Amino acid sequence: MSDSRTQLRDLIHVMSGNGHRKFLVNLAGVDFIDSDGMGELVRCYSPVRQRGGEMKLVHVNKKVQHLLHITRLNTLFEIYAD
């Protein structure tokens, strides 16, 4: 674990504080997401939604899609192949 796990959350926090409301998270380089990674996505999603924004996932490979499905996070995020 390192500080890099909070980089996404920090970036989204700053951008949403500056008025951005729509976020598209590109997971093209992500082969696997563990429970910490999934928790981080949810921690990013909540403040975005509280501010009336949207957060969607794109370039999600089949393995990550499967993990999102079995954890039911696919009901939280709109997921796009490309």
C-alpha atoms as a PDB file:
ATOM      1  CA  MET A   1       0.000   0.000   0.000  1.00  0.00           C
ATOM      2  CA  SER A   2       1.238   3.448  -0.803  1.00  0.00           C
ATOM      3  CA  ASP A   3       0.089   7.019  -1.129  1.00  0.00           C
ATOM      4  CA  SER A   4      -0.715   6.333  -4.777  1.00  0.00           C
ATOM      5  CA  ARG A   5      -3.990   4.726  -3.742  1.00  0.00           C
ATOM      6  CA  THR A   6      -5.326   8.121  -2.672  1.00  0.00           C
ATOM      7  CA  GLN A   7      -4.223   9.966  -5.809  1.00  0.00           C
ATOM      8  CA  LEU A   8      -7.508   9.295  -7.601  1.00  0.00           C
ATOM      9  CA  ARG A   9      -9.534  10.407  -4.597  1.00  0.00           C
ATOM     10  CA  ASP A  10      -7.439  13.556  -4.161  1.00  0.00           C
ATOM     11  CA  LEU A  11      -7.707  14.416  -7.859  1.00  0.00           C
ATOM     12  CA  ILE A  12     -11.473  13.938  -7.909  1.00  0.00           C
ATOM     13  CA  HIS A  13     -11.837  15.946  -4.697  1.00  0.00           C
ATOM     14  CA  VAL A  14      -9.892  18.883  -6.155  1.00  0.00           C
ATOM     15  CA  MET A  15     -11.649  18.744  -9.525  1.00  0.00           C
ATOM     16  CA  SER A  16     -15.134  18.451  -8.027  1.00  0.00           C
ATOM     17  CA  GLY A  17     -14.273  21.355  -5.720  1.00  0.00           C
ATOM     18  CA  ASN A  18     -13.452  23.357  -8.853  1.00  0.00           C
ATOM     19  CA  GLY A  19     -16.887  22.674 -10.326  1.00  0.00           C
ATOM     20  CA  HIS A  20     -16.293  19.545 -12.391  1.00  0.00           C
ATOM     21  CA  ARG A  21     -19.260  17.198 -12.163  1.00  0.00           C
ATOM     22  CA  LYS A  22     -18.605  14.485 -14.768  1.00  0.00           C
ATOM     23  CA  PHE A  23     -15.820  11.949 -14.348  1.00  0.00           C
ATOM     24  CA  LEU A  24     -14.795   9.153 -16.673  1.00  0.00           C
ATOM     25  CA  VAL A  25     -12.285   6.808 -15.033  1.00  0.00           C
ATOM     26  CA  ASN A  26     -10.181   4.971 -17.627  1.00  0.00           C
ATOM     27  CA  LEU A  27      -9.230   1.516 -16.364  1.00  0.00           C
ATOM     28  CA  ALA A  28      -7.379   0.461 -19.539  1.00  0.00           C
ATOM     29  CA  GLY A  29      -4.166  -0.361 -17.668  1.00  0.00           C
ATOM     30  CA  VAL A  30      -5.900  -2.142 -14.788  1.00  0.00           C
ATOM     31  CA  ASP A  31      -5.763  -5.957 -14.955  1.00  0.00           C
ATOM     32  CA  PHE A  32      -7.058  -6.586 -11.439  1.00  0.00           C
ATOM     33  CA  ILE A  33      -8.754  -4.648  -8.658  1.00  0.00           C
ATOM     34  CA  ASP A  34      -8.556  -5.835  -5.069  1.00  0.00           C
ATOM     35  CA  SER A  35     -10.896  -4.861  -2.238  1.00  0.00           C
ATOM     36  CA  ASP A  36      -8.835  -1.739  -1.491  1.00  0.00           C
ATOM     37  CA  GLY A  37      -9.157  -0.610  -5.104  1.00  0.00           C
ATOM     38  CA  MET A  38     -12.891  -1.221  -5.136  1.00  0.00           C
ATOM     39  CA  GLY A  39     -13.244   0.657  -1.860  1.00  0.00           C
ATOM     40  CA  GLU A  40     -11.306   3.547  -3.345  1.00  0.00           C
ATOM     41  CA  LEU A  41     -13.667   3.703  -6.334  1.00  0.00           C
ATOM     42  CA  VAL A  42     -16.638   3.850  -3.954  1.00  0.00           C
ATOM     43  CA  ARG A  43     -14.939   6.520  -1.810  1.00  0.00           C
ATOM     44  CA  CYS A  44     -14.478   8.590  -4.967  1.00  0.00           C
ATOM     45  CA  TYR A  45     -18.024   7.984  -6.180  1.00  0.00           C
ATOM     46  CA  SER A  46     -19.853   9.141  -3.052  1.00  0.00           C
ATOM     47  CA  PRO A  47     -18.724  12.801  -2.950  1.00  0.00           C
ATOM     48  CA  VAL A  48     -19.180  13.119  -6.707  1.00  0.00           C
ATOM     49  CA  ARG A  49     -22.810  11.975  -6.416  1.00  0.00           C
ATOM     50  CA  GLN A  50     -23.391  14.176  -3.342  1.00  0.00           C
ATOM     51  CA  ARG A  51     -22.433  17.166  -5.476  1.00  0.00           C
ATOM     52  CA  GLY A  52     -24.816  16.118  -8.242  1.00  0.00           C
ATOM     53  CA  GLY A  53     -22.128  14.651 -10.464  1.00  0.00           C
ATOM     54  CA  GLU A  54     -21.518  11.431 -12.339  1.00  0.00           C
ATOM     55  CA  MET A  55     -18.636   8.979 -12.317  1.00  0.00           C
ATOM     56  CA  LYS A  56     -18.397   6.294 -15.006  1.00  0.00           C
ATOM     57  CA  LEU A  57     -15.844   3.604 -15.788  1.00  0.00           C
ATOM     58  CA  VAL A  58     -14.397   2.919 -19.242  1.00  0.00           C
ATOM     59  CA  HIS A  59     -12.036   0.349 -20.791  1.00  0.00           C
ATOM     60  CA  VAL A  60     -12.900  -2.197 -18.123  1.00  0.00           C
ATOM     61  CA  ASN A  61     -11.487  -5.623 -19.001  1.00  0.00           C
ATOM     62  CA  LYS A  62     -13.504  -8.814 -18.520  1.00  0.00           C
ATOM     63  CA  LYS A  63     -11.711  -9.843 -15.325  1.00  0.00           C
ATOM     64  CA  VAL A  64     -12.397  -6.480 -13.650  1.00  0.00           C
ATOM     65  CA  GLN A  65     -15.963  -6.480 -14.985  1.00  0.00           C
ATOM     66  CA  HIS A  66     -16.472  -9.881 -13.374  1.00  0.00           C
ATOM     67  CA  LEU A  67     -15.168  -8.603 -10.021  1.00  0.00           C
ATOM     68  CA  LEU A  68     -17.433  -5.555 -10.242  1.00  0.00           C
ATOM     69  CA  HIS A  69     -20.353  -7.867 -11.023  1.00  0.00           C
ATOM     70  CA  ILE A  70     -19.818 -10.294  -8.132  1.00  0.00           C
ATOM     71  CA  THR A  71     -19.424  -7.378  -5.704  1.00  0.00           C
ATOM     72  CA  ARG A  72     -22.500  -5.717  -7.273  1.00  0.00           C
ATOM     73  CA  LEU A  73     -20.551  -2.518  -7.895  1.00  0.00           C
ATOM     74  CA  ASN A  74     -21.726  -2.816 -11.490  1.00  0.00           C
ATOM     75  CA  THR A  75     -25.074  -1.534 -10.175  1.00  0.00           C
ATOM     76  CA  LEU A  76     -23.351   1.575  -8.830  1.00  0.00           C
ATOM     77  CA  PHE A  77     -21.226   2.500 -11.849  1.00  0.00           C
ATOM     78  CA  GLU A  78     -22.071   2.793 -15.502  1.00  0.00           C
ATOM     79  CA  ILE A  79     -19.428   0.672 -17.209  1.00  0.00           C
ATOM     80  CA  TYR A  80     -18.302   1.011 -20.821  1.00  0.00           C
ATOM     81  CA  ALA A  81     -15.979  -1.252 -22.824  1.00  0.00           C
ATOM     82  CA  ASP A  82     -14.645   1.700 -24.835  1.00  0.00           C
END
